[in-house]
Amino acid sequence: MIGVFDEKKSAFGGNFDNYVLMPVSTFLNTYGLIGKDGFQRSVNITVHAKTPDLVDDAMEQTRQALRHDRGVKPGQEDNFDFFSSQSLITQFNRMSMGVKLAAFVIGLIASWWPGSGS
């Protein structure tokens, strides 16, 4: 099936009008796993749960399907990663914590610095 999406504009600095959705098998048959630069290509799969309560179940079903498809044996680590809205929020909070800590330390040093007015 071939179609065209509605215009999405941009969000978070990214242009979402430059995305293509296709079956993974079509992608692999057309482009392969290795790019012209010799590096392994990245494939992102989006899964949408029917309700928020089913997100964990959807992730687990997806995990099992990917493990089977990729031949990951029981006891072996996954050879893929998951990103969810919650994991992106957690990652952002971790990154921003360093900035907040640095700003606090700089403010503390500035308040003790000679001639800072204190």
Protein backbone atom coordinates (compact mmCIF):
# COMPACT_ATOMS: atom_id res chain seq x y z
CA MET A 1 0.00 0.00 0.00
CA ILE A 2 1.35 3.40 -0.95
CA GLY A 3 0.04 6.66 0.41
CA VAL A 4 0.91 10.15 1.51
CA PHE A 5 0.71 11.52 5.04
CA ASP A 6 -0.77 14.86 5.97
CA GLU A 7 1.79 17.62 6.46
CA LYS A 8 3.21 17.38 10.01
CA LYS A 9 5.32 20.56 10.13
CA SER A 10 8.13 20.38 12.69
CA ALA A 11 8.41 19.58 16.36
CA PHE A 12 11.35 19.66 18.76
CA GLY A 13 13.54 21.03 15.96
CA GLY A 14 12.91 18.04 13.69
CA ASN A 15 11.08 18.05 10.38
CA PHE A 16 8.56 15.22 10.48
CA ASP A 17 7.71 15.62 6.79
CA ASN A 18 10.93 13.78 5.88
CA TYR A 19 9.93 10.38 7.30
CA VAL A 20 8.97 7.26 5.42
CA LEU A 21 7.05 4.28 6.79
CA MET A 22 7.51 0.90 5.15
CA PRO A 23 7.53 -2.76 6.13
CA VAL A 24 10.87 -3.84 7.63
CA SER A 25 11.20 -6.57 4.99
CA THR A 26 10.84 -3.97 2.21
CA PHE A 27 13.47 -1.77 3.86
CA LEU A 28 15.93 -4.67 4.20
CA ASN A 29 15.33 -5.88 0.63
CA THR A 30 15.72 -2.36 -0.78
CA TYR A 31 18.54 -0.92 1.34
CA GLY A 32 20.16 -3.81 3.26
CA LEU A 33 21.58 -3.68 6.77
CA ILE A 34 24.86 -1.96 5.84
CA GLY A 35 24.94 1.55 4.38
CA LYS A 36 27.25 2.83 1.62
CA ASP A 37 29.49 4.22 4.37
CA GLY A 38 30.01 0.70 5.76
CA PHE A 39 28.08 1.33 8.97
CA GLN A 40 25.08 -0.70 10.09
CA ARG A 41 21.78 1.01 9.37
CA SER A 42 19.39 1.92 12.16
CA VAL A 43 15.82 0.70 11.90
CA ASN A 44 13.13 2.16 14.14
CA ILE A 45 9.88 0.31 14.70
CA THR A 46 6.94 2.16 16.21
CA VAL A 47 4.39 0.21 18.21
CA HIS A 48 1.18 1.76 19.49
CA ALA A 49 -0.75 0.10 22.32
CA LYS A 50 -4.55 0.16 22.14
CA THR A 51 -4.76 1.78 25.60
CA PRO A 52 -2.19 3.25 28.02
CA ASP A 53 -2.80 0.28 30.35
CA LEU A 54 -1.52 -2.08 27.64
CA VAL A 55 1.81 -0.34 26.96
CA ASP A 56 3.85 -2.76 29.08
CA ASP A 57 2.15 -5.76 27.46
CA ALA A 58 2.73 -4.32 23.97
CA MET A 59 6.41 -3.75 24.77
CA GLU A 60 6.82 -7.30 26.07
CA GLN A 61 5.09 -8.81 23.03
CA THR A 62 7.30 -6.70 20.77
CA ARG A 63 10.39 -7.77 22.74
CA GLN A 64 9.51 -11.44 22.34
CA ALA A 65 8.80 -11.04 18.60
CA LEU A 66 12.12 -9.23 18.05
CA ARG A 67 14.08 -11.77 20.11
CA HIS A 68 12.56 -14.60 18.05
CA ASP A 69 13.12 -12.79 14.73
CA ARG A 70 16.75 -11.97 15.62
CA GLY A 71 17.53 -15.42 17.03
CA VAL A 72 18.33 -14.20 20.55
CA LYS A 73 18.64 -17.26 22.79
CA PRO A 74 17.11 -17.48 26.30
CA GLY A 75 19.50 -15.93 28.81
CA GLN A 76 21.15 -13.68 26.19
CA GLU A 77 20.74 -9.91 26.37
CA ASP A 78 18.49 -8.17 23.85
CA ASN A 79 20.43 -6.92 20.82
CA PHE A 80 18.03 -4.01 20.36
CA ASP A 81 16.79 -1.07 22.42
CA PHE A 82 13.38 0.29 23.38
CA PHE A 83 12.49 3.95 23.63
CA SER A 84 9.17 4.97 25.10
CA SER A 85 7.78 8.35 26.02
CA GLN A 86 8.63 7.60 29.65
CA SER A 87 12.19 6.49 28.86
CA LEU A 88 12.77 9.69 26.86
CA ILE A 89 11.47 11.78 29.77
CA THR A 90 13.76 9.91 32.17
CA GLN A 91 16.75 10.38 29.83
CA PHE A 92 16.01 14.11 29.49
CA ASN A 93 15.74 14.48 33.28
CA ARG A 94 19.10 12.74 33.75
CA MET A 95 20.77 15.00 31.20
CA SER A 96 19.22 18.16 32.62
CA MET A 97 20.25 17.17 36.16
CA GLY A 98 23.91 17.69 35.19
CA VAL A 99 23.11 21.17 33.86
CA LYS A 100 21.15 22.01 37.02
CA LEU A 101 23.98 20.78 39.23
CA ALA A 102 26.57 22.77 37.26
CA ALA A 103 24.44 25.94 37.50
CA PHE A 104 24.09 25.42 41.27
CA VAL A 105 27.86 24.98 41.72
CA ILE A 106 28.62 28.05 39.59
CA GLY A 107 26.07 30.07 41.57
CA LEU A 108 27.58 28.86 44.84
CA ILE A 109 31.11 29.78 43.76
CA ALA A 110 29.94 33.16 42.46
CA SER A 111 28.27 33.98 45.78
CA TRP A 112 31.49 33.26 47.68
CA TRP A 113 33.80 34.93 45.17
CA PRO A 114 35.52 38.07 46.50
CA GLY A 115 33.83 41.23 45.28
CA SER A 116 30.57 39.45 44.49
CA GLY A 117 28.68 41.76 46.79
CA SER A 118 28.21 39.50 49.78
